[in-house]
Amino acid sequence: QVHVVESGGGLVQAGGSLRLSCATSGRTFRINSAAWHRQAPGKEREWVAGITSGDSTNYAASVKDRFTISRDNAKNTVYLQMNSLKPEDTAVYYCSVVSLGVNSWGQGTQVTVSS
């Protein structure tokens, strides 16, 4: 079973940056694909960004050109670099990874952007 842990969240002013990390442990094999999602208070969880096994990336329109998803295969870690943050980016951010056909989720990390 793959254990997923997100970190790097916090409080930042609008216009600032944060880098989220998604580390895997346990019986870990190479991450096939991964994605970041977020859930704001009172809203449904939404997909933010994804990276494929071939390192192709895709982004939600709301974060395109501001967020960058990347991966370090040696560390089995996925990152989300978030720049030019806006108050509407405030949410709990979750990472999901697919390894050996199993999709595993972390518990989330809180990102709060103040205006």
PDB file of N, CA and C in Angstrom:
ATOM      1  N   GLN A   1       0.848  -1.190   0.000  1.00  0.00           N
ATOM      2  CA  GLN A   1       0.000   0.000   0.000  1.00  0.00           C
ATOM      3  C   GLN A   1       0.880   1.236   0.000  1.00  0.00           C
ATOM      4  N   VAL A   2       0.515   2.198  -0.837  1.00  0.00           N
ATOM      5  CA  VAL A   2       1.271   3.440  -0.934  1.00  0.00           C
ATOM      6  C   VAL A   2       0.709   4.456   0.047  1.00  0.00           C
ATOM      7  N   HIS A   3       1.593   5.029   0.841  1.00  0.00           N
ATOM      8  CA  HIS A   3       1.201   6.067   1.785  1.00  0.00           C
ATOM      9  C   HIS A   3       1.601   7.405   1.204  1.00  0.00           C
ATOM     10  N   VAL A   4       0.638   8.323   1.133  1.00  0.00           N
ATOM     11  CA  VAL A   4       0.868   9.623   0.502  1.00  0.00           C
ATOM     12  C   VAL A   4       0.763  10.726   1.545  1.00  0.00           C
ATOM     13  N   VAL A   5       1.741  11.609   1.594  1.00  0.00           N
ATOM     14  CA  VAL A   5       1.739  12.705   2.559  1.00  0.00           C
ATOM     15  C   VAL A   5       2.048  14.012   1.843  1.00  0.00           C
ATOM     16  N   GLU A   6       1.142  14.965   1.964  1.00  0.00           N
ATOM     17  CA  GLU A   6       1.364  16.299   1.414  1.00  0.00           C
ATOM     18  C   GLU A   6       1.978  17.204   2.478  1.00  0.00           C
ATOM     19  N   SER A   7       2.761  18.166   2.036  1.00  0.00           N
ATOM     20  CA  SER A   7       3.334  19.155   2.936  1.00  0.00           C
ATOM     21  C   SER A   7       3.603  20.435   2.155  1.00  0.00           C
ATOM     22  N   GLY A   8       3.903  21.496   2.897  1.00  0.00           N
ATOM     23  CA  GLY A   8       4.268  22.754   2.258  1.00  0.00           C
ATOM     24  C   GLY A   8       3.191  23.813   2.272  1.00  0.00           C
ATOM     25  N   GLY A   9       2.032  23.472   2.789  1.00  0.00           N
ATOM     26  CA  GLY A   9       0.967  24.465   2.863  1.00  0.00           C
ATOM     27  C   GLY A   9       1.255  25.509   3.917  1.00  0.00           C
ATOM     28  N   GLY A  10       0.428  26.537   3.947  1.00  0.00           N
ATOM     29  CA  GLY A  10       0.608  27.582   4.933  1.00  0.00           C
ATOM     30  C   GLY A  10      -0.178  28.816   4.578  1.00  0.00           C
ATOM     31  N   LEU A  11       0.160  29.897   5.269  1.00  0.00           N
ATOM     32  CA  LEU A  11      -0.496  31.185   5.060  1.00  0.00           C
ATOM     33  C   LEU A  11       0.443  32.081   4.252  1.00  0.00           C
ATOM     34  N   VAL A  12      -0.076  32.665   3.192  1.00  0.00           N
ATOM     35  CA  VAL A  12       0.740  33.521   2.344  1.00  0.00           C
ATOM     36  C   VAL A  12      -0.109  34.699   1.869  1.00  0.00           C
ATOM     37  N   GLN A  13       0.529  35.818   1.620  1.00  0.00           N
ATOM     38  CA  GLN A  13      -0.194  36.965   1.106  1.00  0.00           C
ATOM     39  C   GLN A  13      -0.437  36.812  -0.393  1.00  0.00           C
ATOM     40  N   ALA A  14      -1.459  37.473  -0.865  1.00  0.00           N
ATOM     41  CA  ALA A  14      -1.760  37.455  -2.292  1.00  0.00           C
ATOM     42  C   ALA A  14      -0.527  37.918  -3.075  1.00  0.00           C
ATOM     43  N   GLY A  15      -0.270  37.218  -4.155  1.00  0.00           N
ATOM     44  CA  GLY A  15       0.914  37.502  -4.959  1.00  0.00           C
ATOM     45  C   GLY A  15       2.120  36.667  -4.581  1.00  0.00           C
ATOM     46  N   GLY A  16       2.035  35.988  -3.459  1.00  0.00           N
ATOM     47  CA  GLY A  16       3.144  35.178  -2.977  1.00  0.00           C
ATOM     48  C   GLY A  16       3.188  33.799  -3.617  1.00  0.00           C
ATOM     49  N   SER A  17       4.126  33.000  -3.128  1.00  0.00           N
ATOM     50  CA  SER A  17       4.342  31.664  -3.680  1.00  0.00           C
ATOM     51  C   SER A  17       4.430  30.625  -2.575  1.00  0.00           C
ATOM     52  N   LEU A  18       4.086  29.412  -2.924  1.00  0.00           N
ATOM     53  CA  LEU A  18       4.261  28.253  -2.064  1.00  0.00           C
ATOM     54  C   LEU A  18       4.631  27.068  -2.942  1.00  0.00           C
ATOM     55  N   ARG A  19       5.349  26.128  -2.348  1.00  0.00           N
ATOM     56  CA  ARG A  19       5.668  24.891  -3.053  1.00  0.00           C
ATOM     57  C   ARG A  19       5.162  23.723  -2.222  1.00  0.00           C
ATOM     58  N   LEU A  20       4.225  22.993  -2.764  1.00  0.00           N
ATOM     59  CA  LEU A  20       3.690  21.826  -2.092  1.00  0.00           C
ATOM     60  C   LEU A  20       4.465  20.582  -2.521  1.00  0.00           C
ATOM     61  N   SER A  21       4.606  19.677  -1.584  1.00  0.00           N
ATOM     62  CA  SER A  21       5.266  18.406  -1.870  1.00  0.00           C
ATOM     63  C   SER A  21       4.310  17.258  -1.579  1.00  0.00           C
ATOM     64  N   CYS A  22       4.453  16.203  -2.344  1.00  0.00           N
ATOM     65  CA  CYS A  22       3.640  15.004  -2.177  1.00  0.00           C
ATOM     66  C   CYS A  22       4.609  13.830  -2.142  1.00  0.00           C
ATOM     67  N   ALA A  23       4.873  13.350  -0.947  1.00  0.00           N
ATOM     68  CA  ALA A  23       5.837  12.271  -0.777  1.00  0.00           C
ATOM     69  C   ALA A  23       5.123  10.945  -0.589  1.00  0.00           C
ATOM     70  N   THR A  24       5.710   9.912  -1.143  1.00  0.00           N
ATOM     71  CA  THR A  24       5.124   8.580  -0.995  1.00  0.00           C
ATOM     72  C   THR A  24       6.066   7.700  -0.195  1.00  0.00           C
ATOM     73  N   SER A  25       5.493   6.780   0.537  1.00  0.00           N
ATOM     74  CA  SER A  25       6.296   5.852   1.329  1.00  0.00           C
ATOM     75  C   SER A  25       5.532   4.545   1.449  1.00  0.00           C
ATOM     76  N   GLY A  26       6.129   3.628   2.160  1.00  0.00           N
ATOM     77  CA  GLY A  26       5.518   2.317   2.272  1.00  0.00           C
ATOM     78  C   GLY A  26       5.989   1.436   1.139  1.00  0.00           C
ATOM     79  N   ARG A  27       5.134   0.555   0.710  1.00  0.00           N
ATOM     80  CA  ARG A  27       5.468  -0.332  -0.385  1.00  0.00           C
ATOM     81  C   ARG A  27       5.350   0.470  -1.676  1.00  0.00           C
ATOM     82  N   THR A  28       6.391   1.246  -1.968  1.00  0.00           N
ATOM     83  CA  THR A  28       6.310   2.239  -3.023  1.00  0.00           C
ATOM     84  C   THR A  28       7.002   1.772  -4.290  1.00  0.00           C
ATOM     85  N   PHE A  29       6.295   1.842  -5.359  1.00  0.00           N
ATOM     86  CA  PHE A  29       6.865   1.620  -6.658  1.00  0.00           C
ATOM     87  C   PHE A  29       6.842   2.945  -7.393  1.00  0.00           C
ATOM     88  N   ARG A  30       7.390   2.959  -8.565  1.00  0.00           N
ATOM     89  CA  ARG A  30       7.465   4.210  -9.296  1.00  0.00           C
ATOM     90  C   ARG A  30       6.060   4.792  -9.487  1.00  0.00           C
ATOM     91  N   ILE A  31       5.956   6.088  -9.272  1.00  0.00           N
ATOM     92  CA  ILE A  31       4.687   6.771  -9.514  1.00  0.00           C
ATOM     93  C   ILE A  31       4.429   6.790 -11.012  1.00  0.00           C
ATOM     94  N   ASN A  32       3.275   6.312 -11.419  1.00  0.00           N
ATOM     95  CA  ASN A  32       2.911   6.325 -12.833  1.00  0.00           C
ATOM     96  C   ASN A  32       2.435   7.717 -13.208  1.00  0.00           C
ATOM     97  N   SER A  33       1.369   8.131 -12.622  1.00  0.00           N
ATOM     98  CA  SER A  33       0.851   9.479 -12.849  1.00  0.00           C
ATOM     99  C   SER A  33       0.425  10.052 -11.507  1.00  0.00           C
ATOM    100  N   ALA A  34       0.242  11.347 -11.473  1.00  0.00           N
ATOM    101  CA  ALA A  34      -0.149  12.004 -10.232  1.00  0.00           C
ATOM    102  C   ALA A  34      -0.937  13.259 -10.550  1.00  0.00           C
ATOM    103  N   ALA A  35      -1.635  13.728  -9.542  1.00  0.00           N
ATOM    104  CA  ALA A  35      -2.424  14.943  -9.728  1.00  0.00           C
ATOM    105  C   ALA A  35      -2.584  15.662  -8.409  1.00  0.00           C
ATOM    106  N   TRP A  36      -2.820  16.945  -8.521  1.00  0.00           N
ATOM    107  CA  TRP A  36      -3.181  17.770  -7.374  1.00  0.00           C
ATOM    108  C   TRP A  36      -4.636  18.198  -7.537  1.00  0.00           C
ATOM    109  N   HIS A  37      -5.316  18.240  -6.395  1.00  0.00           N
ATOM    110  CA  HIS A  37      -6.704  18.645  -6.345  1.00  0.00           C
ATOM    111  C   HIS A  37      -6.835  19.623  -5.190  1.00  0.00           C
ATOM    112  N   ARG A  38      -7.953  20.338  -5.130  1.00  0.00           N
ATOM    113  CA  ARG A  38      -8.168  21.212  -3.992  1.00  0.00           C
ATOM    114  C   ARG A  38      -9.657  21.291  -3.674  1.00  0.00           C
ATOM    115  N   GLN A  39      -9.906  21.614  -2.421  1.00  0.00           N
ATOM    116  CA  GLN A  39     -11.288  21.765  -1.979  1.00  0.00           C
ATOM    117  C   GLN A  39     -11.382  22.989  -1.082  1.00  0.00           C
ATOM    118  N   ALA A  40     -12.120  23.975  -1.542  1.00  0.00           N
ATOM    119  CA  ALA A  40     -12.343  25.192  -0.772  1.00  0.00           C
ATOM    120  C   ALA A  40     -13.566  24.996   0.117  1.00  0.00           C
ATOM    121  N   PRO A  41     -13.664  25.755   1.181  1.00  0.00           N
ATOM    122  CA  PRO A  41     -14.813  25.625   2.089  1.00  0.00           C
ATOM    123  C   PRO A  41     -16.134  25.784   1.347  1.00  0.00           C
ATOM    124  N   GLY A  42     -17.029  24.834   1.553  1.00  0.00           N
ATOM    125  CA  GLY A  42     -18.345  24.904   0.938  1.00  0.00           C
ATOM    126  C   GLY A  42     -18.395  24.540  -0.530  1.00  0.00           C
ATOM    127  N   LYS A  43     -17.263  24.115  -1.081  1.00  0.00           N
ATOM    128  CA  LYS A  43     -17.213  23.767  -2.502  1.00  0.00           C
ATOM    129  C   LYS A  43     -16.790  22.315  -2.683  1.00  0.00           C
ATOM    130  N   GLU A  44     -17.042  21.797  -3.876  1.00  0.00           N
ATOM    131  CA  GLU A  44     -16.625  20.448  -4.176  1.00  0.00           C
ATOM    132  C   GLU A  44     -15.132  20.426  -4.504  1.00  0.00           C
ATOM    133  N   ARG A  45     -14.549  19.247  -4.318  1.00  0.00           N
ATOM    134  CA  ARG A  45     -13.148  19.083  -4.669  1.00  0.00           C
ATOM    135  C   ARG A  45     -12.983  19.226  -6.181  1.00  0.00           C
ATOM    136  N   GLU A  46     -11.924  19.926  -6.582  1.00  0.00           N
ATOM    137  CA  GLU A  46     -11.671  20.126  -8.001  1.00  0.00           C
ATOM    138  C   GLU A  46     -10.246  19.740  -8.351  1.00  0.00           C
ATOM    139  N   TRP A  47     -10.094  19.257  -9.557  1.00  0.00           N
ATOM    140  CA  TRP A  47      -8.786  18.899 -10.079  1.00  0.00           C
ATOM    141  C   TRP A  47      -8.030  20.172 -10.425  1.00  0.00           C
ATOM    142  N   VAL A  48      -6.732  20.194 -10.111  1.00  0.00           N
ATOM    143  CA  VAL A  48      -5.923  21.391 -10.326  1.00  0.00           C
ATOM    144  C   VAL A  48      -4.868  21.169 -11.410  1.00  0.00           C
ATOM    145  N   ALA A  49      -4.144  20.060 -11.280  1.00  0.00           N
ATOM    146  CA  ALA A  49      -3.046  19.808 -12.222  1.00  0.00           C
ATOM    147  C   ALA A  49      -2.721  18.325 -12.222  1.00  0.00           C
ATOM    148  N   GLY A  50      -2.188  17.852 -13.342  1.00  0.00           N
ATOM    149  CA  GLY A  50      -1.821  16.448 -13.443  1.00  0.00           C
ATOM    150  C   GLY A  50      -0.547  16.260 -14.221  1.00  0.00           C
ATOM    151  N   ILE A  51       0.134  15.161 -13.933  1.00  0.00           N
ATOM    152  CA  ILE A  51       1.352  14.818 -14.652  1.00  0.00           C
ATOM    153  C   ILE A  51       1.296  13.332 -14.997  1.00  0.00           C
ATOM    154  N   THR A  52       1.643  13.009 -16.226  1.00  0.00           N
ATOM    155  CA  THR A  52       1.549  11.624 -16.687  1.00  0.00           C
ATOM    156  C   THR A  52       2.872  10.894 -16.501  1.00  0.00           C
ATOM    157  N   SER A  53       2.866   9.613 -16.813  1.00  0.00           N
ATOM    158  CA  SER A  53       4.089   8.822 -16.709  1.00  0.00           C
ATOM    159  C   SER A  53       5.154   9.337 -17.660  1.00  0.00           C
ATOM    160  N   GLY A  54       4.734   9.982 -18.726  1.00  0.00           N
ATOM    161  CA  GLY A  54       5.677  10.549 -19.675  1.00  0.00           C
ATOM    162  C   GLY A  54       6.003  12.002 -19.407  1.00  0.00           C
ATOM    163  N   ASP A  55       5.609  12.483 -18.235  1.00  0.00           N
ATOM    164  CA  ASP A  55       5.879  13.857 -17.790  1.00  0.00           C
ATOM    165  C   ASP A  55       5.105  14.918 -18.559  1.00  0.00           C
ATOM    166  N   SER A  56       4.049  14.520 -19.244  1.00  0.00           N
ATOM    167  CA  SER A  56       3.149  15.531 -19.800  1.00  0.00           C
ATOM    168  C   SER A  56       2.336  16.132 -18.668  1.00  0.00           C
ATOM    169  N   THR A  57       2.088  17.421 -18.756  1.00  0.00           N
ATOM    170  CA  THR A  57       1.358  18.106 -17.692  1.00  0.00           C
ATOM    171  C   THR A  57       0.119  18.800 -18.238  1.00  0.00           C
ATOM    172  N   ASN A  58      -0.856  18.917 -17.370  1.00  0.00           N
ATOM    173  CA  ASN A  58      -2.090  19.622 -17.707  1.00  0.00           C
ATOM    174  C   ASN A  58      -2.552  20.399 -16.490  1.00  0.00           C
ATOM    175  N   TYR A  59      -3.254  21.488 -16.734  1.00  0.00           N
ATOM    176  CA  TYR A  59      -3.674  22.380 -15.662  1.00  0.00           C
ATOM    177  C   TYR A  59      -5.121  22.837 -15.855  1.00  0.00           C
ATOM    178  N   ALA A  60      -5.757  23.080 -14.730  1.00  0.00           N
ATOM    179  CA  ALA A  60      -7.054  23.725 -14.777  1.00  0.00           C
ATOM    180  C   ALA A  60      -6.855  25.156 -15.275  1.00  0.00           C
ATOM    181  N   ALA A  61      -7.855  25.666 -15.948  1.00  0.00           N
ATOM    182  CA  ALA A  61      -7.734  27.008 -16.520  1.00  0.00           C
ATOM    183  C   ALA A  61      -7.454  28.053 -15.452  1.00  0.00           C
ATOM    184  N   SER A  62      -7.991  27.830 -14.260  1.00  0.00           N
ATOM    185  CA  SER A  62      -7.864  28.824 -13.184  1.00  0.00           C
ATOM    186  C   SER A  62      -6.443  28.946 -12.653  1.00  0.00           C
ATOM    187  N   VAL A  63      -5.597  27.952 -12.915  1.00  0.00           N
ATOM    188  CA  VAL A  63      -4.230  27.981 -12.367  1.00  0.00           C
ATOM    189  C   VAL A  63      -3.163  27.953 -13.455  1.00  0.00           C
ATOM    190  N   LYS A  64      -3.581  27.793 -14.685  1.00  0.00           N
ATOM    191  CA  LYS A  64      -2.615  27.707 -15.786  1.00  0.00           C
ATOM    192  C   LYS A  64      -1.764  28.958 -15.825  1.00  0.00           C
ATOM    193  N   ASP A  65      -0.498  28.782 -16.051  1.00  0.00           N
ATOM    194  CA  ASP A  65       0.504  29.859 -16.109  1.00  0.00           C
ATOM    195  C   ASP A  65       0.892  30.389 -14.735  1.00  0.00           C
ATOM    196  N   ARG A  66       0.285  29.877 -13.676  1.00  0.00           N
ATOM    197  CA  ARG A  66       0.677  30.263 -12.315  1.00  0.00           C
ATOM    198  C   ARG A  66       1.223  29.079 -11.524  1.00  0.00           C
ATOM    199  N   PHE A  67       0.686  27.901 -11.783  1.00  0.00           N
ATOM    200  CA  PHE A  67       1.096  26.700 -11.049  1.00  0.00           C
ATOM    201  C   PHE A  67       1.893  25.790 -11.969  1.00  0.00           C
ATOM    202  N   THR A  68       2.836  25.056 -11.371  1.00  0.00           N
ATOM    203  CA  THR A  68       3.627  24.094 -12.132  1.00  0.00           C
ATOM    204  C   THR A  68       3.724  22.789 -11.348  1.00  0.00           C
ATOM    205  N   ILE A  69       3.326  21.706 -11.979  1.00  0.00           N
ATOM    206  CA  ILE A  69       3.453  20.386 -11.368  1.00  0.00           C
ATOM    207  C   ILE A  69       4.722  19.730 -11.911  1.00  0.00           C
ATOM    208  N   SER A  70       5.444  19.041 -11.017  1.00  0.00           N
ATOM    209  CA  SER A  70       6.664  18.362 -11.438  1.00  0.00           C
ATOM    210  C   SER A  70       6.861  17.130 -10.557  1.00  0.00           C
ATOM    211  N   ARG A  71       7.844  16.339 -10.914  1.00  0.00           N
ATOM    212  CA  ARG A  71       8.082  15.115 -10.155  1.00  0.00           C
ATOM    213  C   ARG A  71       9.570  14.827 -10.067  1.00  0.00           C
ATOM    214  N   ASP A  72       9.947  14.141  -8.992  1.00  0.00           N
ATOM    215  CA  ASP A  72      11.308  13.655  -8.807  1.00  0.00           C
ATOM    216  C   ASP A  72      11.186  12.151  -8.640  1.00  0.00           C
ATOM    217  N   ASN A  73      11.470  11.416  -9.695  1.00  0.00           N
ATOM    218  CA  ASN A  73      11.272   9.966  -9.662  1.00  0.00           C
ATOM    219  C   ASN A  73      12.204   9.292  -8.664  1.00  0.00           C
ATOM    220  N   ALA A  74      13.386   9.848  -8.477  1.00  0.00           N
ATOM    221  CA  ALA A  74      14.327   9.244  -7.519  1.00  0.00           C
ATOM    222  C   ALA A  74      13.790   9.314  -6.095  1.00  0.00           C
ATOM    223  N   LYS A  75      13.013  10.335  -5.830  1.00  0.00           N
ATOM    224  CA  LYS A  75      12.456  10.511  -4.481  1.00  0.00           C
ATOM    225  C   LYS A  75      10.991  10.092  -4.400  1.00  0.00           C
ATOM    226  N   ASN A  76      10.421   9.651  -5.523  1.00  0.00           N
ATOM    227  CA  ASN A  76       8.986   9.323  -5.558  1.00  0.00           C
ATOM    228  C   ASN A  76       8.162  10.459  -4.966  1.00  0.00           C
ATOM    229  N   THR A  77       8.475  11.647  -5.392  1.00  0.00           N
ATOM    230  CA  THR A  77       7.825  12.837  -4.863  1.00  0.00           C
ATOM    231  C   THR A  77       7.307  13.692  -6.014  1.00  0.00           C
ATOM    232  N   VAL A  78       6.148  14.262  -5.788  1.00  0.00           N
ATOM    233  CA  VAL A  78       5.533  15.160  -6.759  1.00  0.00           C
ATOM    234  C   VAL A  78       5.404  16.533  -6.112  1.00  0.00           C
ATOM    235  N   TYR A  79       5.597  17.568  -6.898  1.00  0.00           N
ATOM    236  CA  TYR A  79       5.571  18.928  -6.381  1.00  0.00           C
ATOM    237  C   TYR A  79       4.509  19.760  -7.102  1.00  0.00           C
ATOM    238  N   LEU A  80       4.073  20.809  -6.419  1.00  0.00           N
ATOM    239  CA  LEU A  80       3.213  21.811  -7.052  1.00  0.00           C
ATOM    240  C   LEU A  80       3.758  23.174  -6.661  1.00  0.00           C
ATOM    241  N   GLN A  81       4.393  23.834  -7.603  1.00  0.00           N
ATOM    242  CA  GLN A  81       4.876  25.194  -7.396  1.00  0.00           C
ATOM    243  C   GLN A  81       3.747  26.151  -7.715  1.00  0.00           C
ATOM    244  N   MET A  82       3.388  26.967  -6.745  1.00  0.00           N
ATOM    245  CA  MET A  82       2.264  27.888  -6.898  1.00  0.00           C
ATOM    246  C   MET A  82       2.766  29.315  -6.785  1.00  0.00           C
ATOM    247  N   ASN A  83       2.643  30.061  -7.854  1.00  0.00           N
ATOM    248  CA  ASN A  83       3.067  31.458  -7.891  1.00  0.00           C
ATOM    249  C   ASN A  83       1.863  32.372  -8.091  1.00  0.00           C
ATOM    250  N   SER A  84       2.072  33.635  -7.825  1.00  0.00           N
ATOM    251  CA  SER A  84       1.014  34.644  -8.012  1.00  0.00           C
ATOM    252  C   SER A  84      -0.287  34.186  -7.367  1.00  0.00           C
ATOM    253  N   LEU A  85      -0.191  33.748  -6.135  1.00  0.00           N
ATOM    254  CA  LEU A  85      -1.363  33.208  -5.453  1.00  0.00           C
ATOM    255  C   LEU A  85      -2.429  34.267  -5.232  1.00  0.00           C
ATOM    256  N   LYS A  86      -3.654  33.805  -5.300  1.00  0.00           N
ATOM    257  CA  LYS A  86      -4.812  34.670  -5.129  1.00  0.00           C
ATOM    258  C   LYS A  86      -5.655  34.172  -3.950  1.00  0.00           C
ATOM    259  N   PRO A  87      -6.441  35.044  -3.341  1.00  0.00           N
ATOM    260  CA  PRO A  87      -7.303  34.585  -2.243  1.00  0.00           C
ATOM    261  C   PRO A  87      -8.199  33.416  -2.652  1.00  0.00           C
ATOM    262  N   GLU A  88      -8.615  33.372  -3.893  1.00  0.00           N
ATOM    263  CA  GLU A  88      -9.473  32.275  -4.336  1.00  0.00           C
ATOM    264  C   GLU A  88      -8.738  30.947  -4.486  1.00  0.00           C
ATOM    265  N   ASP A  89      -7.436  30.960  -4.298  1.00  0.00           N
ATOM    266  CA  ASP A  89      -6.667  29.704  -4.275  1.00  0.00           C
ATOM    267  C   ASP A  89      -6.721  29.050  -2.898  1.00  0.00           C
ATOM    268  N   THR A  90      -7.297  29.745  -1.929  1.00  0.00           N
ATOM    269  CA  THR A  90      -7.403  29.190  -0.581  1.00  0.00           C
ATOM    270  C   THR A  90      -8.214  27.903  -0.600  1.00  0.00           C
ATOM    271  N   ALA A  91      -7.623  26.834  -0.080  1.00  0.00           N
ATOM    272  CA  ALA A  91      -8.265  25.512  -0.099  1.00  0.00           C
ATOM    273  C   ALA A  91      -7.367  24.510   0.607  1.00  0.00           C
ATOM    274  N   VAL A  92      -7.914  23.337   0.832  1.00  0.00           N
ATOM    275  CA  VAL A  92      -7.084  22.196   1.215  1.00  0.00           C
ATOM    276  C   VAL A  92      -6.648  21.518  -0.085  1.00  0.00           C
ATOM    277  N   TYR A  93      -5.352  21.320  -0.219  1.00  0.00           N
ATOM    278  CA  TYR A  93      -4.792  20.738  -1.431  1.00  0.00           C
ATOM    279  C   TYR A  93      -4.457  19.268  -1.177  1.00  0.00           C
ATOM    280  N   TYR A  94      -4.917  18.432  -2.089  1.00  0.00           N
ATOM    281  CA  TYR A  94      -4.719  16.993  -1.980  1.00  0.00           C
ATOM    282  C   TYR A  94      -3.902  16.491  -3.167  1.00  0.00           C
ATOM    283  N   CYS A  95      -3.111  15.495  -2.887  1.00  0.00           N
ATOM    284  CA  CYS A  95      -2.336  14.828  -3.927  1.00  0.00           C
ATOM    285  C   CYS A  95      -2.885  13.420  -4.123  1.00  0.00           C
ATOM    286  N   SER A  96      -2.949  13.004  -5.356  1.00  0.00           N
ATOM    287  CA  SER A  96      -3.296  11.618  -5.649  1.00  0.00           C
ATOM    288  C   SER A  96      -2.229  11.057  -6.578  1.00  0.00           C
ATOM    289  N   VAL A  97      -1.834   9.819  -6.328  1.00  0.00           N
ATOM    290  CA  VAL A  97      -0.817   9.185  -7.163  1.00  0.00           C
ATOM    291  C   VAL A  97      -1.306   7.816  -7.611  1.00  0.00           C
ATOM    292  N   VAL A  98      -0.932   7.445  -8.804  1.00  0.00           N
ATOM    293  CA  VAL A  98      -1.246   6.123  -9.328  1.00  0.00           C
ATOM    294  C   VAL A  98       0.051   5.344  -9.421  1.00  0.00           C
ATOM    295  N   SER A  99       0.074   4.219  -8.713  1.00  0.00           N
ATOM    296  CA  SER A  99       1.243   3.352  -8.721  1.00  0.00           C
ATOM    297  C   SER A  99       0.747   1.918  -8.820  1.00  0.00           C
ATOM    298  N   LEU A 100       1.214   1.188  -9.805  1.00  0.00           N
ATOM    299  CA  LEU A 100       0.767  -0.187 -10.075  1.00  0.00           C
ATOM    300  C   LEU A 100      -0.751  -0.269 -10.184  1.00  0.00           C
ATOM    301  N   GLY A 101      -1.340   0.732 -10.788  1.00  0.00           N
ATOM    302  CA  GLY A 101      -2.771   0.718 -11.036  1.00  0.00           C
ATOM    303  C   GLY A 101      -3.646   1.094  -9.861  1.00  0.00           C
ATOM    304  N   VAL A 102      -3.021   1.442  -8.750  1.00  0.00           N
ATOM    305  CA  VAL A 102      -3.780   1.818  -7.552  1.00  0.00           C
ATOM    306  C   VAL A 102      -3.678   3.322  -7.356  1.00  0.00           C
ATOM    307  N   ASN A 103      -4.812   3.964  -7.161  1.00  0.00           N
ATOM    308  CA  ASN A 103      -4.859   5.403  -6.928  1.00  0.00           C
ATOM    309  C   ASN A 103      -4.917   5.664  -5.424  1.00  0.00           C
ATOM    310  N   SER A 104      -3.921   6.360  -4.916  1.00  0.00           N
ATOM    311  CA  SER A 104      -3.844   6.629  -3.483  1.00  0.00           C
ATOM    312  C   SER A 104      -3.897   8.126  -3.236  1.00  0.00           C
ATOM    313  N   TRP A 105      -4.519   8.509  -2.128  1.00  0.00           N
ATOM    314  CA  TRP A 105      -4.696   9.914  -1.787  1.00  0.00           C
ATOM    315  C   TRP A 105      -4.042  10.233  -0.452  1.00  0.00           C
ATOM    316  N   GLY A 106      -3.601  11.476  -0.342  1.00  0.00           N
ATOM    317  CA  GLY A 106      -3.103  11.957   0.923  1.00  0.00           C
ATOM    318  C   GLY A 106      -4.212  12.617   1.726  1.00  0.00           C
ATOM    319  N   GLN A 107      -3.830  13.136   2.902  1.00  0.00           N
ATOM    320  CA  GLN A 107      -4.807  13.752   3.807  1.00  0.00           C
ATOM    321  C   GLN A 107      -4.994  15.246   3.531  1.00  0.00           C
ATOM    322  N   GLY A 108      -4.131  15.816   2.725  1.00  0.00           N
ATOM    323  CA  GLY A 108      -4.286  17.215   2.356  1.00  0.00           C
ATOM    324  C   GLY A 108      -3.418  18.159   3.169  1.00  0.00           C
ATOM    325  N   THR A 109      -3.180  19.323   2.588  1.00  0.00           N
ATOM    326  CA  THR A 109      -2.447  20.386   3.271  1.00  0.00           C
ATOM    327  C   THR A 109      -3.162  21.698   3.004  1.00  0.00           C
ATOM    328  N   GLN A 110      -3.306  22.507   4.048  1.00  0.00           N
ATOM    329  CA  GLN A 110      -4.086  23.741   3.949  1.00  0.00           C
ATOM    330  C   GLN A 110      -3.247  24.862   3.332  1.00  0.00           C
ATOM    331  N   VAL A 111      -3.827  25.526   2.361  1.00  0.00           N
ATOM    332  CA  VAL A 111      -3.227  26.727   1.780  1.00  0.00           C
ATOM    333  C   VAL A 111      -4.204  27.875   1.989  1.00  0.00           C
ATOM    334  N   THR A 112      -3.719  28.932   2.620  1.00  0.00           N
ATOM    335  CA  THR A 112      -4.551  30.100   2.869  1.00  0.00           C
ATOM    336  C   THR A 112      -3.864  31.324   2.283  1.00  0.00           C
ATOM    337  N   VAL A 113      -4.562  32.024   1.409  1.00  0.00           N
ATOM    338  CA  VAL A 113      -4.015  33.215   0.766  1.00  0.00           C
ATOM    339  C   VAL A 113      -4.791  34.428   1.258  1.00  0.00           C
ATOM    340  N   SER A 114      -4.092  35.335   1.910  1.00  0.00           N
ATOM    341  CA  SER A 114      -4.744  36.528   2.444  1.00  0.00           C
ATOM    342  C   SER A 114      -4.673  37.672   1.437  1.00  0.00           C
ATOM    343  N   SER A 115      -5.681  38.518   1.473  1.00  0.00           N
ATOM    344  CA  SER A 115      -5.726  39.634   0.517  1.00  0.00           C
ATOM    345  C   SER A 115      -5.048  40.863   1.068  1.00  0.00           C
TER     346      SER A 115
END
